[in-house]
């Protein structure tokens, strides 16, 4: 499926052409906000479930918030057991800064494309979802492709309050909740559907995130998500490594580590999901040069936020990497490709009504006899001839 988005073409084979402008940027200070907030501008079906706080927002009451432990206690009890790979504060700053760009909408081409493909998977399920949750919603990239006949009510969560303010319009009644994807502030068995697109690859504790999504789903609820896979931006990764080896005698990681598709099914199975479906797409976008790739990643809020990232790239290294990128991967027209491996996942929370595999040993035909089942039919056809 090729889709024209502004001046880019996205699909299996596509070309992007855009002029590059320079801009001096400075990250704003990290926001100080409560972990759960709901904007007053949103429609609340039952306001008795919410109460005002001192910040002028509506906070979720105990109806949706988990009563088992506070956010601070939950964080302190879990942080010791999770790998701390990404700087979540830096990721919030990156997303807040990207949302303040005047032309921020022109960097949404990849998120919109992946969001539409996640929405297609929602439409494949022949049912209506009364209450749904979008984890790491961004600017509403999935919900803009859905309608209220499929999802009757939707909660949007994101780590960045600026992104939530810029959500795209949809006819589905929505409620914006600022929350970290690693700590979902909802009670168990709350949602009929949980969706997520282009957010979970920045999670430190991905198995824990899957367990939380499983917990907030109702029995027979479904989780449909998409995240970046391990082969994403391999062109950029190789070019920077080769350039640093040549110019500096060693290299540092400049592209974040991503989950491999072979691990995704195991992680979801360990979280308790059943009837798993995992598939993969490769979306390739063509840019005028390597610097345009890095500029668009920054505009998307997708810059590297790993703790071991290198804070600065030397000018000579950048020029060498751009030349290597062009030489190794460039096309005859001068453009260069950037490959995004997108992993899609579907998992269900168990319920008694779901189909279950037959009991082990209950089969009455062995695999050795399968080849003989078609022999009578083939023999009969040969006699007719």
Foldseek 3Di string as FASTA:
>chain_A
DWDDQPQWIKDPDTEHEDDDDDDDDDFDDQDDDDQKWWAPPADDPDCVQWDDDPVRTIGGHCQWFPPPDDPVVVCVVPVVPFAQWFDVSVLQRLLLRLLPDPPLVSLCPVLLVQLLVLLVVLVVDPDAWAEEEEQQCQQVSNQQNDACRRYQEYEYEHQYPSRVVNHDDYNHRYIYIYHHLLDDRTAFQATQEYEYEAPLFNDRHNLSSLLVVLRNHHAQHKYKYKYWAACFQVLLQVLLQVLCCVPPVGHFGFADGGHHQVCVVVSNVVSQFPPKDKDKDKMKIKYLWDVVVVVSCSSNSNGGRTPRHDPDDDPSSVVSSRVSQCVPANDPVRIGMGITMMMIMMTGHHDPPDDDDDDPPPDDDDPVCPVVVCVVVVVVVVVVD
